[in-house]
């Protein structure tokens, strides 16, 4: 059984060296949710694009980064029936905080804090400039998500040393296996250093 994987970038999109782009190239079942302007986020439009992508590929594992994480929460709040099998939300951006995110992301505030209706794993860094770790813990708890502490790894992006991210790929493989029912996600994968 093939599990579709939907890549959901954040602000600016994910360039060719970003771990999401490496993941997309590595998985034949992966595709990217497209936005017309990655630098001018508009919540309603971005949600519509995500919803349409999920409806085209029901049962997807959604793999989001940064602003893509609250986007997934907004989509689930508006469409709790959306056929998402599971979500991996990496380095969520705190759009509620002017201290952590730029003003043009404020249209994504407030972050919906209801429990997500699908299995969710949040990966958060202890020194992410876009969300304090304590806030990431609280948000993950509200979402009913498993939280993986990535250590002091910045925003888990190219600027913090992440090109191909093999530990992230391992999490994706574990989650795909869990969706297929061939493996329980009982152990949390150990995260290696940046780029590993």
C-alpha atoms as a PDB file:
ATOM      1  CA  UNK A   1       0.000   0.000   0.000  1.00  0.00           C
ATOM      2  CA  UNK A   2       1.465   3.317  -1.095  1.00  0.00           C
ATOM      3  CA  UNK A   3       1.095   6.159   1.384  1.00  0.00           C
ATOM      4  CA  UNK A   4       1.105   9.587  -0.287  1.00  0.00           C
ATOM      5  CA  UNK A   5       3.372  12.163   1.334  1.00  0.00           C
ATOM      6  CA  UNK A   6       2.477  15.849   1.096  1.00  0.00           C
ATOM      7  CA  UNK A   7       5.287  18.346   1.655  1.00  0.00           C
ATOM      8  CA  UNK A   8       4.036  21.606   3.191  1.00  0.00           C
ATOM      9  CA  UNK A   9       6.733  24.306   3.243  1.00  0.00           C
ATOM     10  CA  UNK A  10       6.603  27.463   5.309  1.00  0.00           C
ATOM     11  CA  UNK A  11       7.321  31.096   4.566  1.00  0.00           C
ATOM     12  CA  UNK A  12       9.577  31.474   1.546  1.00  0.00           C
ATOM     13  CA  UNK A  13       8.990  27.890   0.430  1.00  0.00           C
ATOM     14  CA  UNK A  14      11.713  25.297   0.771  1.00  0.00           C
ATOM     15  CA  UNK A  15      14.619  25.785  -1.594  1.00  0.00           C
ATOM     16  CA  UNK A  16      16.489  22.972  -3.355  1.00  0.00           C
ATOM     17  CA  UNK A  17      18.865  22.380  -0.413  1.00  0.00           C
ATOM     18  CA  UNK A  18      16.148  22.295   2.266  1.00  0.00           C
ATOM     19  CA  UNK A  19      15.509  18.924   3.916  1.00  0.00           C
ATOM     20  CA  UNK A  20      11.908  18.988   2.629  1.00  0.00           C
ATOM     21  CA  UNK A  21      13.194  19.200  -0.952  1.00  0.00           C
ATOM     22  CA  UNK A  22      15.616  16.326  -0.321  1.00  0.00           C
ATOM     23  CA  UNK A  23      12.720  14.292   1.122  1.00  0.00           C
ATOM     24  CA  UNK A  24      10.521  15.071  -1.868  1.00  0.00           C
ATOM     25  CA  UNK A  25      13.242  13.876  -4.253  1.00  0.00           C
ATOM     26  CA  UNK A  26      13.890  10.743  -2.173  1.00  0.00           C
ATOM     27  CA  UNK A  27      10.271   9.559  -2.032  1.00  0.00           C
ATOM     28  CA  UNK A  28       8.473   8.808  -5.313  1.00  0.00           C
ATOM     29  CA  UNK A  29       5.141   9.082  -3.500  1.00  0.00           C
ATOM     30  CA  UNK A  30       5.900  12.642  -2.303  1.00  0.00           C
ATOM     31  CA  UNK A  31       4.534  15.855  -3.772  1.00  0.00           C
ATOM     32  CA  UNK A  32       4.587  19.476  -2.678  1.00  0.00           C
ATOM     33  CA  UNK A  33       1.621  21.670  -1.834  1.00  0.00           C
ATOM     34  CA  UNK A  34       2.098  24.684  -4.123  1.00  0.00           C
ATOM     35  CA  UNK A  35       1.414  28.300  -3.228  1.00  0.00           C
ATOM     36  CA  UNK A  36       1.526  31.161  -5.722  1.00  0.00           C
ATOM     37  CA  UNK A  37       3.581  33.452  -3.489  1.00  0.00           C
ATOM     38  CA  UNK A  38       5.637  31.880  -0.724  1.00  0.00           C
ATOM     39  CA  UNK A  39       6.602  35.306   0.644  1.00  0.00           C
ATOM     40  CA  UNK A  40       3.084  36.723   1.026  1.00  0.00           C
ATOM     41  CA  UNK A  41       1.140  34.202   3.106  1.00  0.00           C
ATOM     42  CA  UNK A  42      -2.642  34.484   2.972  1.00  0.00           C
ATOM     43  CA  UNK A  43      -4.309  32.065   5.366  1.00  0.00           C
ATOM     44  CA  UNK A  44      -7.578  31.406   3.525  1.00  0.00           C
ATOM     45  CA  UNK A  45      -5.831  30.854   0.205  1.00  0.00           C
ATOM     46  CA  UNK A  46      -3.086  28.678   1.695  1.00  0.00           C
ATOM     47  CA  UNK A  47      -5.672  26.570   3.558  1.00  0.00           C
ATOM     48  CA  UNK A  48      -7.642  26.103   0.335  1.00  0.00           C
ATOM     49  CA  UNK A  49      -4.504  24.900  -1.450  1.00  0.00           C
ATOM     50  CA  UNK A  50      -3.688  22.425   1.336  1.00  0.00           C
ATOM     51  CA  UNK A  51      -7.265  21.120   1.499  1.00  0.00           C
ATOM     52  CA  UNK A  52      -7.348  20.615  -2.276  1.00  0.00           C
ATOM     53  CA  UNK A  53      -4.015  18.755  -2.189  1.00  0.00           C
ATOM     54  CA  UNK A  54      -5.218  16.421   0.582  1.00  0.00           C
ATOM     55  CA  UNK A  55      -8.490  15.768  -1.222  1.00  0.00           C
ATOM     56  CA  UNK A  56      -6.526  14.804  -4.354  1.00  0.00           C
ATOM     57  CA  UNK A  57      -4.349  12.471  -2.269  1.00  0.00           C
ATOM     58  CA  UNK A  58      -6.499  11.170   0.600  1.00  0.00           C
ATOM     59  CA  UNK A  59      -4.770   9.254   3.354  1.00  0.00           C
ATOM     60  CA  UNK A  60      -1.627  11.371   3.073  1.00  0.00           C
ATOM     61  CA  UNK A  61       1.157  11.780   5.571  1.00  0.00           C
ATOM     62  CA  UNK A  62       1.581  15.555   5.753  1.00  0.00           C
ATOM     63  CA  UNK A  63       5.141  16.776   6.379  1.00  0.00           C
ATOM     64  CA  UNK A  64       5.142  20.468   7.310  1.00  0.00           C
ATOM     65  CA  UNK A  65       7.835  22.934   8.331  1.00  0.00           C
ATOM     66  CA  UNK A  66       7.655  26.288  10.113  1.00  0.00           C
ATOM     67  CA  UNK A  67       4.602  28.305   8.960  1.00  0.00           C
ATOM     68  CA  UNK A  68       3.308  25.100   7.363  1.00  0.00           C
ATOM     69  CA  UNK A  69       2.652  23.716  10.864  1.00  0.00           C
ATOM     70  CA  UNK A  70       0.025  26.257  11.978  1.00  0.00           C
ATOM     71  CA  UNK A  71      -1.344  26.014   8.426  1.00  0.00           C
ATOM     72  CA  UNK A  72      -2.050  22.299   9.002  1.00  0.00           C
ATOM     73  CA  UNK A  73      -3.733  23.122  12.330  1.00  0.00           C
ATOM     74  CA  UNK A  74      -5.931  25.746  10.646  1.00  0.00           C
ATOM     75  CA  UNK A  75      -6.909  23.321   7.873  1.00  0.00           C
ATOM     76  CA  UNK A  76      -7.826  20.660  10.456  1.00  0.00           C
ATOM     77  CA  UNK A  77      -9.854  23.175  12.477  1.00  0.00           C
ATOM     78  CA  UNK A  78     -11.836  24.194   9.393  1.00  0.00           C
ATOM     79  CA  UNK A  79     -12.123  20.693   7.964  1.00  0.00           C
ATOM     80  CA  UNK A  80     -11.859  18.068  10.738  1.00  0.00           C
ATOM     81  CA  UNK A  81     -13.049  15.480   8.184  1.00  0.00           C
ATOM     82  CA  UNK A  82     -10.008  16.113   5.983  1.00  0.00           C
ATOM     83  CA  UNK A  83      -8.533  12.679   5.066  1.00  0.00           C
ATOM     84  CA  UNK A  84      -5.069  13.192   6.577  1.00  0.00           C
ATOM     85  CA  UNK A  85      -3.584   9.938   7.899  1.00  0.00           C
ATOM     86  CA  UNK A  86      -0.889  11.569  10.037  1.00  0.00           C
ATOM     87  CA  UNK A  87       1.270  14.691  10.241  1.00  0.00           C
ATOM     88  CA  UNK A  88       4.908  15.418  10.966  1.00  0.00           C
ATOM     89  CA  UNK A  89       5.175  19.061  12.040  1.00  0.00           C
ATOM     90  CA  UNK A  90       8.766  20.292  12.218  1.00  0.00           C
ATOM     91  CA  UNK A  91       9.925  23.549  13.848  1.00  0.00           C
ATOM     92  CA  UNK A  92       6.492  25.191  14.092  1.00  0.00           C
ATOM     93  CA  UNK A  93       6.455  28.978  13.783  1.00  0.00           C
ATOM     94  CA  UNK A  94       4.848  30.920  16.633  1.00  0.00           C
ATOM     95  CA  UNK A  95       2.649  33.251  14.602  1.00  0.00           C
ATOM     96  CA  UNK A  96       1.068  34.496  17.838  1.00  0.00           C
ATOM     97  CA  UNK A  97       4.364  36.086  18.911  1.00  0.00           C
ATOM     98  CA  UNK A  98       5.723  39.298  17.391  1.00  0.00           C
ATOM     99  CA  UNK A  99       8.991  38.462  19.150  1.00  0.00           C
ATOM    100  CA  UNK A 100       9.396  35.242  17.155  1.00  0.00           C
ATOM    101  CA  UNK A 101       7.799  35.762  13.736  1.00  0.00           C
ATOM    102  CA  UNK A 102       7.487  38.612  11.216  1.00  0.00           C
ATOM    103  CA  UNK A 103       4.361  40.743  11.052  1.00  0.00           C
ATOM    104  CA  UNK A 104       3.202  39.432   7.679  1.00  0.00           C
ATOM    105  CA  UNK A 105       2.603  35.994   9.266  1.00  0.00           C
ATOM    106  CA  UNK A 106       0.167  37.430  11.823  1.00  0.00           C
ATOM    107  CA  UNK A 107      -2.761  36.511   9.574  1.00  0.00           C
ATOM    108  CA  UNK A 108      -2.124  32.907  10.687  1.00  0.00           C
ATOM    109  CA  UNK A 109      -2.754  33.854  14.343  1.00  0.00           C
ATOM    110  CA  UNK A 110      -4.030  32.599  16.612  1.00  0.00           C
ATOM    111  CA  UNK A 111      -2.692  29.078  16.267  1.00  0.00           C
ATOM    112  CA  UNK A 112      -5.637  26.660  16.673  1.00  0.00           C
ATOM    113  CA  UNK A 113      -5.054  24.707  19.863  1.00  0.00           C
ATOM    114  CA  UNK A 114      -7.667  21.969  19.593  1.00  0.00           C
ATOM    115  CA  UNK A 115      -6.607  18.348  19.402  1.00  0.00           C
ATOM    116  CA  UNK A 116      -5.729  17.332  15.849  1.00  0.00           C
ATOM    117  CA  UNK A 117      -7.905  14.512  14.477  1.00  0.00           C
ATOM    118  CA  UNK A 118      -4.941  12.463  13.203  1.00  0.00           C
ATOM    119  CA  UNK A 119      -1.726  11.089  14.644  1.00  0.00           C
ATOM    120  CA  UNK A 120       0.774  13.941  14.903  1.00  0.00           C
ATOM    121  CA  UNK A 121       4.469  14.200  15.714  1.00  0.00           C
ATOM    122  CA  UNK A 122       6.023  17.596  16.463  1.00  0.00           C
ATOM    123  CA  UNK A 123       9.793  18.042  16.223  1.00  0.00           C
ATOM    124  CA  UNK A 124      11.012  21.146  18.053  1.00  0.00           C
ATOM    125  CA  UNK A 125      14.407  22.650  18.741  1.00  0.00           C
ATOM    126  CA  UNK A 126      15.421  24.063  22.109  1.00  0.00           C
ATOM    127  CA  UNK A 127      16.883  27.193  20.492  1.00  0.00           C
ATOM    128  CA  UNK A 128      14.522  27.822  17.582  1.00  0.00           C
ATOM    129  CA  UNK A 129      14.316  31.591  16.994  1.00  0.00           C
ATOM    130  CA  UNK A 130      10.767  31.166  15.650  1.00  0.00           C
ATOM    131  CA  UNK A 131       9.217  29.411  18.671  1.00  0.00           C
ATOM    132  CA  UNK A 132      10.373  28.983  22.260  1.00  0.00           C
ATOM    133  CA  UNK A 133      10.676  25.324  23.240  1.00  0.00           C
ATOM    134  CA  UNK A 134       8.259  25.727  26.170  1.00  0.00           C
ATOM    135  CA  UNK A 135       5.679  27.115  23.759  1.00  0.00           C
ATOM    136  CA  UNK A 136       6.306  24.220  21.362  1.00  0.00           C
ATOM    137  CA  UNK A 137       5.679  21.819  24.258  1.00  0.00           C
ATOM    138  CA  UNK A 138       2.386  23.555  25.086  1.00  0.00           C
ATOM    139  CA  UNK A 139       1.224  23.632  21.454  1.00  0.00           C
ATOM    140  CA  UNK A 140       2.159  19.975  20.892  1.00  0.00           C
ATOM    141  CA  UNK A 141       0.262  19.053  24.056  1.00  0.00           C
ATOM    142  CA  UNK A 142      -2.841  20.931  22.907  1.00  0.00           C
ATOM    143  CA  UNK A 143      -2.642  19.199  19.516  1.00  0.00           C
ATOM    144  CA  UNK A 144      -2.356  15.774  21.208  1.00  0.00           C
ATOM    145  CA  UNK A 145       0.965  15.289  19.432  1.00  0.00           C
ATOM    146  CA  UNK A 146       4.047  13.296  20.317  1.00  0.00           C
ATOM    147  CA  UNK A 147       6.916  15.736  20.867  1.00  0.00           C
ATOM    148  CA  UNK A 148      10.481  15.015  19.802  1.00  0.00           C
ATOM    149  CA  UNK A 149      13.132  17.267  21.357  1.00  0.00           C
ATOM    150  CA  UNK A 150      15.620  17.996  18.569  1.00  0.00           C
ATOM    151  CA  UNK A 151      18.097  19.660  20.931  1.00  0.00           C
ATOM    152  CA  UNK A 152      19.799  22.937  20.054  1.00  0.00           C
ATOM    153  CA  UNK A 153      19.310  22.691  16.278  1.00  0.00           C
ATOM    154  CA  UNK A 154      17.969  26.141  15.424  1.00  0.00           C
ATOM    155  CA  UNK A 155      15.049  26.288  13.003  1.00  0.00           C
ATOM    156  CA  UNK A 156      15.895  22.910  11.437  1.00  0.00           C
ATOM    157  CA  UNK A 157      16.508  24.516   8.068  1.00  0.00           C
ATOM    158  CA  UNK A 158      19.386  25.204   5.695  1.00  0.00           C
ATOM    159  CA  UNK A 159      20.549  28.208   7.741  1.00  0.00           C
ATOM    160  CA  UNK A 160      20.969  25.961  10.787  1.00  0.00           C
ATOM    161  CA  UNK A 161      22.930  23.332   8.850  1.00  0.00           C
ATOM    162  CA  UNK A 162      20.182  21.035   7.599  1.00  0.00           C
ATOM    163  CA  UNK A 163      20.392  19.854   4.028  1.00  0.00           C
ATOM    164  CA  UNK A 164      19.428  16.227   3.682  1.00  0.00           C
ATOM    165  CA  UNK A 165      18.080  15.231   7.109  1.00  0.00           C
ATOM    166  CA  UNK A 166      18.331  11.476   7.504  1.00  0.00           C
ATOM    167  CA  UNK A 167      16.842  11.461  11.010  1.00  0.00           C
ATOM    168  CA  UNK A 168      13.802  13.253   9.615  1.00  0.00           C
ATOM    169  CA  UNK A 169      13.585  10.706   6.809  1.00  0.00           C
ATOM    170  CA  UNK A 170      13.671   7.956   9.448  1.00  0.00           C
ATOM    171  CA  UNK A 171      10.733   9.568  11.273  1.00  0.00           C
ATOM    172  CA  UNK A 172       8.803   9.718   7.999  1.00  0.00           C
ATOM    173  CA  UNK A 173       9.514   6.019   7.353  1.00  0.00           C
ATOM    174  CA  UNK A 174       8.366   5.088  10.864  1.00  0.00           C
ATOM    175  CA  UNK A 175       5.183   7.096  10.431  1.00  0.00           C
ATOM    176  CA  UNK A 176       4.467   5.501   7.039  1.00  0.00           C
ATOM    177  CA  UNK A 177       4.941   2.067   8.623  1.00  0.00           C
ATOM    178  CA  UNK A 178       2.570   3.048  11.444  1.00  0.00           C
ATOM    179  CA  UNK A 179      -0.067   4.210   8.933  1.00  0.00           C
ATOM    180  CA  UNK A 180       0.244   0.896   7.111  1.00  0.00           C
ATOM    181  CA  UNK A 181      -0.182  -0.853  10.453  1.00  0.00           C
ATOM    182  CA  UNK A 182       3.101  -2.707  10.119  1.00  0.00           C
ATOM    183  CA  UNK A 183       4.800  -0.946  12.993  1.00  0.00           C
ATOM    184  CA  UNK A 184       3.714   0.928  16.075  1.00  0.00           C
ATOM    185  CA  UNK A 185       5.379   4.289  16.603  1.00  0.00           C
ATOM    186  CA  UNK A 186       6.388   3.220  20.092  1.00  0.00           C
ATOM    187  CA  UNK A 187       9.935   4.482  20.121  1.00  0.00           C
ATOM    188  CA  UNK A 188      10.940   7.952  19.165  1.00  0.00           C
ATOM    189  CA  UNK A 189      13.820   8.040  16.699  1.00  0.00           C
ATOM    190  CA  UNK A 190      16.994   9.570  18.016  1.00  0.00           C
ATOM    191  CA  UNK A 191      17.780  12.794  16.223  1.00  0.00           C
ATOM    192  CA  UNK A 192      21.312  13.157  14.964  1.00  0.00           C
ATOM    193  CA  UNK A 193      23.200  16.398  14.537  1.00  0.00           C
ATOM    194  CA  UNK A 194      22.343  18.885  11.842  1.00  0.00           C
ATOM    195  CA  UNK A 195      22.363  17.454   8.372  1.00  0.00           C
ATOM    196  CA  UNK A 196      22.787  13.889   9.589  1.00  0.00           C
END
